[in-house]
Protein backbone atom coordinates (compact mmCIF):
# COMPACT_ATOMS: atom_id res chain seq x y z
CA MET A 1 14.20 3.01 -4.34
CA ASN A 2 14.89 -0.63 -3.60
CA THR A 3 18.21 -1.90 -5.04
CA ASP A 4 17.56 -5.57 -4.18
CA PRO A 5 17.27 -7.68 -7.37
CA LYS A 6 13.80 -8.78 -6.20
CA PRO A 7 11.11 -6.09 -6.39
CA LYS A 8 9.82 -5.05 -2.97
CA VAL A 9 6.23 -4.36 -2.01
CA VAL A 10 5.06 -2.79 1.24
CA ILE A 11 1.53 -3.75 2.28
CA VAL A 12 -0.10 -1.24 4.63
CA GLU A 13 -3.15 -3.09 5.94
CA ASP A 14 -4.59 -3.47 9.44
CA ASP A 15 -6.11 -6.93 8.90
CA THR A 16 -3.43 -9.45 9.95
CA PHE A 17 -4.98 -12.23 7.87
CA LEU A 18 -4.93 -10.09 4.72
CA VAL A 19 -1.33 -8.98 5.34
CA LYS A 20 -0.25 -12.64 5.54
CA PHE A 21 -2.35 -13.53 2.49
CA TYR A 22 -1.00 -10.68 0.33
CA LYS A 23 2.58 -11.27 1.49
CA ALA A 24 2.35 -14.95 0.56
CA LYS A 25 0.93 -14.13 -2.88
CA PHE A 26 3.61 -11.53 -3.62
CA GLU A 27 6.42 -13.77 -2.34
CA GLN A 28 5.16 -16.66 -4.51
CA ASN A 29 5.56 -14.29 -7.45
CA GLY A 30 9.14 -13.27 -6.73
CA PHE A 31 8.65 -10.17 -4.57
CA THR A 32 10.06 -9.31 -1.20
CA ALA A 33 6.98 -8.34 0.85
CA VAL A 34 6.80 -6.30 4.05
CA GLY A 35 3.64 -5.73 6.09
CA ILE A 36 2.74 -2.63 8.11
CA GLU A 37 -0.43 -3.00 10.19
CA ASP A 38 -0.91 0.52 11.57
CA GLY A 39 -0.99 3.96 9.98
CA LEU A 40 1.11 5.43 12.77
CA GLY A 41 4.72 5.56 11.62
CA ALA A 42 3.88 4.01 8.25
CA VAL A 43 5.58 6.76 6.23
CA ALA A 44 8.84 6.38 8.16
CA LYS A 45 8.73 2.60 7.73
CA ILE A 46 8.03 2.95 4.01
CA LYS A 47 10.96 5.35 3.64
CA ALA A 48 13.20 2.85 5.43
CA GLU A 49 12.07 -0.02 3.17
CA GLN A 50 12.23 1.93 -0.13
CA PRO A 51 9.78 -0.36 -1.94
CA ASN A 52 8.97 -0.48 -5.64
CA LEU A 53 5.24 -0.70 -4.88
CA ILE A 54 2.91 0.14 -1.99
CA ILE A 55 -0.44 -1.55 -1.39
CA LEU A 56 -2.35 0.88 0.84
CA ASP A 57 -5.56 0.39 2.79
CA ILE A 58 -7.58 3.52 3.60
CA GLY A 59 -9.26 2.47 6.87
CA LEU A 60 -6.22 2.16 9.15
CA PRO A 61 -5.89 2.73 12.89
CA ASN A 62 -4.40 6.04 14.05
CA VAL A 63 -3.64 7.53 10.60
CA ASP A 64 -5.82 6.91 7.55
CA GLY A 65 -4.45 5.79 4.20
CA PHE A 66 -5.28 9.05 2.42
CA SER A 67 -3.13 10.98 4.93
CA ILE A 68 -0.28 8.53 4.38
CA LEU A 69 -0.63 8.85 0.62
CA GLN A 70 -0.62 12.64 0.80
CA GLU A 71 2.56 12.61 2.90
CA LEU A 72 4.27 10.09 0.58
CA LYS A 73 3.49 12.11 -2.54
CA LYS A 74 4.85 15.34 -1.00
CA ASP A 75 8.19 13.76 -0.08
CA PRO A 76 10.90 13.69 -2.82
CA GLU A 77 12.15 10.33 -1.46
CA THR A 78 8.79 8.59 -1.89
CA LYS A 79 6.77 10.61 -4.41
CA ASP A 80 7.61 8.32 -7.34
CA ILE A 81 6.73 5.03 -5.64
CA HIS A 82 3.65 3.53 -7.28
CA VAL A 83 0.74 3.19 -4.85
CA ILE A 84 -2.32 0.98 -5.27
CA ILE A 85 -5.20 1.65 -2.91
CA LEU A 86 -6.85 -1.58 -1.85
CA THR A 87 -9.85 -0.91 0.38
CA LYS A 88 -13.14 -2.49 1.47
CA LEU A 89 -15.56 -0.28 -0.40
CA ALA A 90 -13.57 1.22 -3.29
CA GLN A 91 -16.35 3.72 -3.90
CA ASP A 92 -16.14 6.34 -6.64
CA SER A 93 -15.29 8.96 -4.01
CA ASP A 94 -12.32 6.84 -2.83
CA ARG A 95 -11.11 6.49 -6.42
CA GLU A 96 -11.43 10.24 -7.00
CA ILE A 97 -9.57 11.22 -3.82
CA GLY A 98 -6.87 8.61 -4.41
CA SER A 99 -6.36 9.75 -7.97
CA LYS A 100 -6.11 13.42 -6.95
CA LEU A 101 -3.51 12.47 -4.33
CA GLY A 102 -1.40 10.51 -6.81
CA ALA A 103 -2.73 6.93 -6.71
CA PRO A 104 -4.89 6.37 -9.79
CA ASN A 105 -5.54 2.69 -8.97
CA THR A 106 -8.17 1.95 -6.31
CA TRP A 107 -9.40 -1.63 -6.01
CA SER A 108 -11.85 -3.47 -3.77
CA LYS A 109 -9.86 -5.77 -1.49
CA TRP A 110 -12.65 -8.36 -1.36
CA LYS A 111 -12.65 -8.72 -5.10
CA TYR A 112 -8.89 -9.36 -5.28
CA ALA A 113 -8.45 -11.30 -2.02
CA SER A 114 -9.98 -14.38 -3.61
CA MET A 115 -7.72 -14.40 -6.69
CA LYS A 116 -5.45 -17.42 -7.01
């Protein structure tokens, strides 16, 4: 896990605007924020960053967020990192799958994107 005195968040999101927006919000609140805009190689990048928190979109190019989550939760190096799923629809089925895979928090990105 991250040993930097500032908590680190990794944002896995394919929308460049949202990555910049979330990074700015986290950095304003004392976090180090890193963006990953593609599912391909995301697990390796997360392992290299060793964040305290992961914000994970489901609808990613090449590898979907649920597959990334499943891989993270199977790996002893990353299984204890808290993951919040932030996705467009945040339907009950998304919440259920996310919870079963080890991420009990699934939020609608449009609801939280407008928070100040």
